[in-house]
């Protein structure tokens, strides 16, 4: 077998070169480690853990408390009252954030015209 003089790799030792299939395998392994389905799986497991913690929270805080809001009064479990308050606070934060984003987008559109 003769070596081709036009091949730039002819004089080099092939064992010292990184193999393309090994590099491709590493690239596939690193991309598979951070895939969309992997992220969804992590999110689902995290949500299940959070739900389990909420169930434990409700079981441990089932004492009835008196709640008054805008003239309405009633008795509700402490855990549920706290959850409702947390969700209400989250909605307020989301609304304020949405208003801020809308203002920034409008400002950005005005500056690009």
N, C-alpha and C. Protein backbone atom coordinates (compact mmCIF):
# COMPACT_ATOMS: atom_id res chain seq x y z
N UNK A 1 0.86 -1.16 0.00
CA UNK A 1 0.00 0.00 0.00
C UNK A 1 0.90 1.22 0.00
N UNK A 2 0.60 2.18 -0.84
CA UNK A 2 1.39 3.41 -0.93
C UNK A 2 0.62 4.53 -0.28
N UNK A 3 1.36 5.50 0.26
CA UNK A 3 0.69 6.65 0.86
C UNK A 3 0.54 7.75 -0.16
N UNK A 4 -0.57 8.43 -0.12
CA UNK A 4 -0.85 9.53 -1.03
C UNK A 4 -0.15 10.77 -0.51
N UNK A 5 0.62 11.43 -1.32
CA UNK A 5 1.38 12.61 -0.89
C UNK A 5 0.49 13.84 -0.73
N UNK A 6 -0.73 13.79 -1.28
CA UNK A 6 -1.63 14.94 -1.14
C UNK A 6 -2.40 14.90 0.17
N UNK A 7 -2.41 13.77 0.85
CA UNK A 7 -3.13 13.65 2.12
C UNK A 7 -2.29 14.29 3.22
N UNK A 8 -2.77 15.36 3.86
CA UNK A 8 -1.98 16.03 4.88
C UNK A 8 -1.76 15.17 6.12
N UNK A 9 -2.59 14.12 6.29
CA UNK A 9 -2.45 13.28 7.47
C UNK A 9 -1.54 12.09 7.22
N UNK A 10 -0.98 11.99 6.03
CA UNK A 10 -0.21 10.80 5.65
C UNK A 10 1.02 10.62 6.53
N UNK A 11 1.68 11.69 6.90
CA UNK A 11 2.91 11.57 7.67
C UNK A 11 2.70 11.49 9.16
N UNK A 12 1.47 11.75 9.64
CA UNK A 12 1.20 11.77 11.07
C UNK A 12 0.75 10.40 11.56
N UNK A 13 0.97 10.19 12.82
CA UNK A 13 0.52 8.97 13.46
C UNK A 13 -0.98 9.10 13.74
N UNK A 14 -1.78 8.16 13.24
CA UNK A 14 -3.22 8.23 13.40
C UNK A 14 -3.65 8.01 14.85
N UNK A 15 -2.84 7.37 15.65
CA UNK A 15 -3.20 7.13 17.04
C UNK A 15 -3.17 8.41 17.85
N UNK A 16 -2.38 9.40 17.43
CA UNK A 16 -2.28 10.65 18.18
C UNK A 16 -3.42 11.61 17.84
N UNK A 17 -4.17 11.33 16.77
CA UNK A 17 -5.27 12.20 16.38
C UNK A 17 -6.53 11.85 17.16
N UNK A 18 -7.31 12.88 17.57
CA UNK A 18 -8.60 12.56 18.20
C UNK A 18 -9.54 12.00 17.15
N UNK A 19 -10.21 10.94 17.50
CA UNK A 19 -11.11 10.31 16.54
C UNK A 19 -12.42 11.06 16.48
N UNK A 20 -12.93 11.23 15.27
CA UNK A 20 -14.18 11.97 15.07
C UNK A 20 -15.36 11.29 15.75
N UNK A 21 -15.40 9.95 15.70
CA UNK A 21 -16.55 9.27 16.30
C UNK A 21 -16.55 9.40 17.82
N UNK A 22 -15.38 9.49 18.43
CA UNK A 22 -15.32 9.71 19.88
C UNK A 22 -15.79 11.11 20.21
N UNK A 23 -15.35 12.10 19.43
CA UNK A 23 -15.78 13.48 19.67
C UNK A 23 -17.28 13.62 19.45
N UNK A 24 -17.83 12.96 18.43
CA UNK A 24 -19.26 13.01 18.19
C UNK A 24 -20.03 12.35 19.33
N UNK A 25 -19.49 11.26 19.86
CA UNK A 25 -20.13 10.59 20.99
C UNK A 25 -20.16 11.47 22.22
N UNK A 26 -19.07 12.19 22.46
CA UNK A 26 -19.05 13.11 23.60
C UNK A 26 -20.05 14.24 23.40
N UNK A 27 -20.14 14.75 22.18
CA UNK A 27 -21.10 15.82 21.89
C UNK A 27 -22.52 15.33 22.09
N UNK A 28 -22.80 14.11 21.64
CA UNK A 28 -24.14 13.57 21.83
C UNK A 28 -24.45 13.34 23.30
N UNK A 29 -23.46 12.87 24.05
CA UNK A 29 -23.67 12.62 25.47
C UNK A 29 -23.93 13.93 26.22
N UNK A 30 -23.18 14.99 25.87
CA UNK A 30 -23.39 16.25 26.57
C UNK A 30 -24.72 16.89 26.17
N UNK A 31 -25.14 16.72 24.92
CA UNK A 31 -26.43 17.29 24.52
C UNK A 31 -27.58 16.46 25.10
N UNK A 32 -27.38 15.15 25.25
CA UNK A 32 -28.43 14.32 25.83
C UNK A 32 -28.59 14.62 27.31
N UNK A 33 -27.52 15.02 27.96
CA UNK A 33 -27.61 15.32 29.39
C UNK A 33 -28.45 16.56 29.64
N UNK A 34 -28.56 17.43 28.66
CA UNK A 34 -29.32 18.67 28.82
C UNK A 34 -30.42 18.77 27.78
N UNK A 35 -31.17 17.72 27.63
CA UNK A 35 -32.23 17.72 26.62
C UNK A 35 -33.51 18.31 27.19
N UNK A 36 -34.44 18.60 26.32
CA UNK A 36 -35.72 19.16 26.73
C UNK A 36 -36.51 18.15 27.55
N UNK A 37 -36.46 16.89 27.15
CA UNK A 37 -37.20 15.87 27.90
C UNK A 37 -36.59 15.68 29.29
N UNK A 38 -35.28 15.81 29.41
CA UNK A 38 -34.64 15.74 30.72
C UNK A 38 -35.08 16.88 31.62
N UNK A 39 -35.19 18.07 31.04
CA UNK A 39 -35.64 19.23 31.81
C UNK A 39 -37.09 19.06 32.25
N UNK A 40 -37.92 18.50 31.37
CA UNK A 40 -39.32 18.26 31.72
C UNK A 40 -39.40 17.23 32.85
N UNK A 41 -38.58 16.19 32.77
CA UNK A 41 -38.57 15.17 33.81
C UNK A 41 -38.19 15.78 35.16
N UNK A 42 -37.18 16.62 35.18
CA UNK A 42 -36.76 17.28 36.42
C UNK A 42 -37.89 18.17 36.95
N UNK A 43 -38.57 18.88 36.06
CA UNK A 43 -39.67 19.75 36.48
C UNK A 43 -40.83 18.93 37.07
N UNK A 44 -41.15 17.80 36.45
CA UNK A 44 -42.24 16.97 36.95
C UNK A 44 -41.89 16.39 38.32
N UNK A 45 -40.67 15.91 38.48
CA UNK A 45 -40.26 15.36 39.77
C UNK A 45 -40.26 16.46 40.84
N UNK A 46 -39.79 17.64 40.49
CA UNK A 46 -39.80 18.76 41.43
C UNK A 46 -41.23 19.13 41.83
N UNK A 47 -42.13 19.15 40.86
CA UNK A 47 -43.53 19.47 41.15
C UNK A 47 -44.16 18.41 42.05
N UNK A 48 -43.84 17.14 41.84
CA UNK A 48 -44.37 16.09 42.69
C UNK A 48 -43.86 16.21 44.12
N UNK A 49 -42.59 16.55 44.27
CA UNK A 49 -42.03 16.75 45.61
C UNK A 49 -42.72 17.94 46.28
N UNK A 50 -42.93 19.01 45.53
CA UNK A 50 -43.62 20.17 46.09
C UNK A 50 -45.04 19.82 46.51
N UNK A 51 -45.74 19.06 45.69
CA UNK A 51 -47.11 18.65 46.05
C UNK A 51 -47.12 17.77 47.30
N UNK A 52 -46.14 16.90 47.41
CA UNK A 52 -46.05 16.06 48.61
C UNK A 52 -45.83 16.92 49.86
N UNK A 53 -44.96 17.91 49.73
CA UNK A 53 -44.72 18.82 50.86
C UNK A 53 -45.98 19.63 51.20
N UNK A 54 -46.75 20.03 50.20
CA UNK A 54 -48.00 20.75 50.45
C UNK A 54 -49.02 19.87 51.17
N UNK A 55 -49.08 18.60 50.78
CA UNK A 55 -50.01 17.68 51.44
C UNK A 55 -49.64 17.54 52.91
N UNK A 56 -48.35 17.38 53.19
CA UNK A 56 -47.90 17.29 54.58
C UNK A 56 -48.23 18.59 55.32
N UNK A 57 -48.04 19.73 54.67
CA UNK A 57 -48.35 21.02 55.28
C UNK A 57 -49.83 21.11 55.64
N UNK A 58 -50.71 20.69 54.72
CA UNK A 58 -52.15 20.73 54.99
C UNK A 58 -52.54 19.81 56.13
N UNK A 59 -51.95 18.62 56.17
CA UNK A 59 -52.28 17.66 57.22
C UNK A 59 -51.86 18.20 58.59
N UNK A 60 -50.69 18.84 58.63
CA UNK A 60 -50.19 19.34 59.91
C UNK A 60 -50.87 20.63 60.35
N UNK A 61 -51.50 21.36 59.44
CA UNK A 61 -52.12 22.64 59.76
C UNK A 61 -53.61 22.62 59.42
N UNK A 62 -54.31 21.67 60.02
CA UNK A 62 -55.73 21.55 59.74
C UNK A 62 -56.61 22.22 60.80
N UNK A 63 -56.01 22.92 61.73
CA UNK A 63 -56.80 23.62 62.76
C UNK A 63 -57.63 24.72 62.12
N UNK A 64 -58.91 24.83 62.47
CA UNK A 64 -59.74 25.88 61.87
C UNK A 64 -59.39 27.26 62.43
N UNK A 65 -59.40 28.24 61.54
CA UNK A 65 -59.14 29.63 61.94
C UNK A 65 -60.27 30.49 61.39
N UNK A 66 -60.54 31.59 62.08
CA UNK A 66 -61.57 32.53 61.64
C UNK A 66 -60.92 33.55 60.72
N UNK A 67 -61.48 33.68 59.52
CA UNK A 67 -60.94 34.60 58.52
C UNK A 67 -62.02 35.61 58.17
N UNK A 68 -61.63 36.90 58.15
CA UNK A 68 -62.54 37.97 57.75
C UNK A 68 -61.93 38.70 56.57
N UNK A 69 -62.75 38.93 55.52
CA UNK A 69 -62.26 39.60 54.32
C UNK A 69 -63.41 40.36 53.69
N UNK A 70 -63.28 41.69 53.59
CA UNK A 70 -64.30 42.57 53.01
C UNK A 70 -65.69 42.32 53.59
N UNK A 71 -65.76 42.19 54.88
CA UNK A 71 -67.05 42.00 55.54
C UNK A 71 -67.53 40.56 55.60
N UNK A 72 -66.89 39.68 54.85
CA UNK A 72 -67.25 38.26 54.91
C UNK A 72 -66.42 37.60 56.01
N UNK A 73 -67.03 36.70 56.70
CA UNK A 73 -66.36 36.01 57.78
C UNK A 73 -66.63 34.53 57.67
N UNK A 74 -65.59 33.72 57.96
CA UNK A 74 -65.79 32.29 57.90
C UNK A 74 -64.65 31.55 58.55
N UNK A 75 -64.87 30.27 58.74
CA UNK A 75 -63.86 29.41 59.32
C UNK A 75 -63.25 28.54 58.22
N UNK A 76 -61.95 28.44 58.22
CA UNK A 76 -61.24 27.69 57.18
C UNK A 76 -60.00 27.07 57.82
N UNK A 77 -59.51 25.99 57.26
CA UNK A 77 -58.29 25.35 57.77
C UNK A 77 -57.10 26.30 57.60
N UNK A 78 -56.23 26.31 58.59
CA UNK A 78 -55.08 27.21 58.57
C UNK A 78 -54.22 27.00 57.33
N UNK A 79 -53.95 25.75 56.99
CA UNK A 79 -53.11 25.46 55.82
C UNK A 79 -53.71 26.01 54.54
N UNK A 80 -55.00 25.85 54.38
CA UNK A 80 -55.69 26.35 53.19
C UNK A 80 -55.69 27.88 53.16
N UNK A 81 -55.88 28.50 54.33
CA UNK A 81 -55.85 29.97 54.39
C UNK A 81 -54.48 30.50 53.99
N UNK A 82 -53.44 29.85 54.46
CA UNK A 82 -52.08 30.28 54.10
C UNK A 82 -51.80 30.05 52.62
N UNK A 83 -52.29 28.95 52.06
CA UNK A 83 -52.11 28.69 50.63
C UNK A 83 -52.83 29.73 49.79
N UNK A 84 -54.05 30.08 50.17
CA UNK A 84 -54.79 31.11 49.45
C UNK A 84 -54.07 32.45 49.51
N UNK A 85 -53.52 32.78 50.68
CA UNK A 85 -52.77 34.03 50.81
C UNK A 85 -51.52 34.02 49.93
N UNK A 86 -50.82 32.87 49.87
CA UNK A 86 -49.61 32.78 49.04
C UNK A 86 -49.95 32.89 47.56
N UNK A 87 -51.02 32.23 47.13
CA UNK A 87 -51.43 32.31 45.73
C UNK A 87 -51.86 33.74 45.38
N UNK A 88 -52.59 34.39 46.29
CA UNK A 88 -52.98 35.78 46.07
C UNK A 88 -51.76 36.70 45.94
N UNK A 89 -50.77 36.49 46.79
CA UNK A 89 -49.54 37.28 46.69
C UNK A 89 -48.81 37.03 45.39
N UNK A 90 -48.80 35.77 44.94
CA UNK A 90 -48.17 35.44 43.66
C UNK A 90 -48.87 36.10 42.49
N UNK A 91 -50.19 36.17 42.55
CA UNK A 91 -50.96 36.83 41.49
C UNK A 91 -50.65 38.32 41.45
N UNK A 92 -50.55 38.95 42.62
CA UNK A 92 -50.21 40.37 42.67
C UNK A 92 -48.83 40.61 42.06
N UNK A 93 -47.86 39.78 42.42
CA UNK A 93 -46.50 39.93 41.88
C UNK A 93 -46.49 39.72 40.36
N UNK A 94 -47.25 38.72 39.88
CA UNK A 94 -47.32 38.45 38.44
C UNK A 94 -47.94 39.63 37.69
N UNK A 95 -48.99 40.22 38.25
CA UNK A 95 -49.62 41.37 37.61
C UNK A 95 -48.68 42.57 37.54
N UNK A 96 -47.99 42.85 38.64
CA UNK A 96 -47.05 43.97 38.64
C UNK A 96 -45.92 43.71 37.63
N UNK A 97 -45.43 42.48 37.58
CA UNK A 97 -44.39 42.13 36.61
C UNK A 97 -44.88 42.26 35.18
N UNK A 98 -46.11 41.83 34.92
CA UNK A 98 -46.67 41.94 33.56
C UNK A 98 -46.82 43.39 33.14
N UNK A 99 -47.27 44.23 34.05
CA UNK A 99 -47.39 45.67 33.74
C UNK A 99 -46.03 46.26 33.41
N UNK A 100 -45.02 45.88 34.18
CA UNK A 100 -43.66 46.39 33.94
C UNK A 100 -43.13 45.93 32.58
N UNK A 101 -43.37 44.67 32.24
CA UNK A 101 -42.92 44.13 30.94
C UNK A 101 -43.62 44.86 29.80
N UNK A 102 -44.93 45.11 29.94
CA UNK A 102 -45.68 45.81 28.89
C UNK A 102 -45.12 47.22 28.71
N UNK A 103 -44.82 47.91 29.80
CA UNK A 103 -44.25 49.26 29.71
C UNK A 103 -42.87 49.23 29.05
N UNK A 104 -42.04 48.26 29.39
CA UNK A 104 -40.71 48.17 28.78
C UNK A 104 -40.80 47.87 27.29
N UNK A 105 -41.71 46.99 26.89
CA UNK A 105 -41.88 46.69 25.46
C UNK A 105 -42.37 47.91 24.70
N UNK A 106 -43.30 48.66 25.28
CA UNK A 106 -43.80 49.85 24.61
C UNK A 106 -42.68 50.89 24.48
N UNK A 107 -41.89 51.03 25.51
CA UNK A 107 -40.75 51.96 25.47
C UNK A 107 -39.73 51.53 24.40
N UNK A 108 -39.50 50.22 24.33
CA UNK A 108 -38.56 49.69 23.34
C UNK A 108 -39.07 49.93 21.92
N UNK A 109 -40.36 49.75 21.69
CA UNK A 109 -40.92 49.99 20.35
C UNK A 109 -40.82 51.47 19.96
N UNK A 110 -41.08 52.37 20.95
CA UNK A 110 -40.98 53.80 20.65
C UNK A 110 -39.55 54.20 20.31
N UNK A 111 -38.58 53.61 20.98
CA UNK A 111 -37.19 54.00 20.74
C UNK A 111 -36.65 53.47 19.43
N UNK A 112 -37.26 52.39 18.87
CA UNK A 112 -36.79 51.82 17.61
C UNK A 112 -37.50 52.42 16.40
N UNK A 113 -38.50 53.26 16.61
CA UNK A 113 -39.20 53.86 15.47
C UNK A 113 -38.55 55.11 15.00
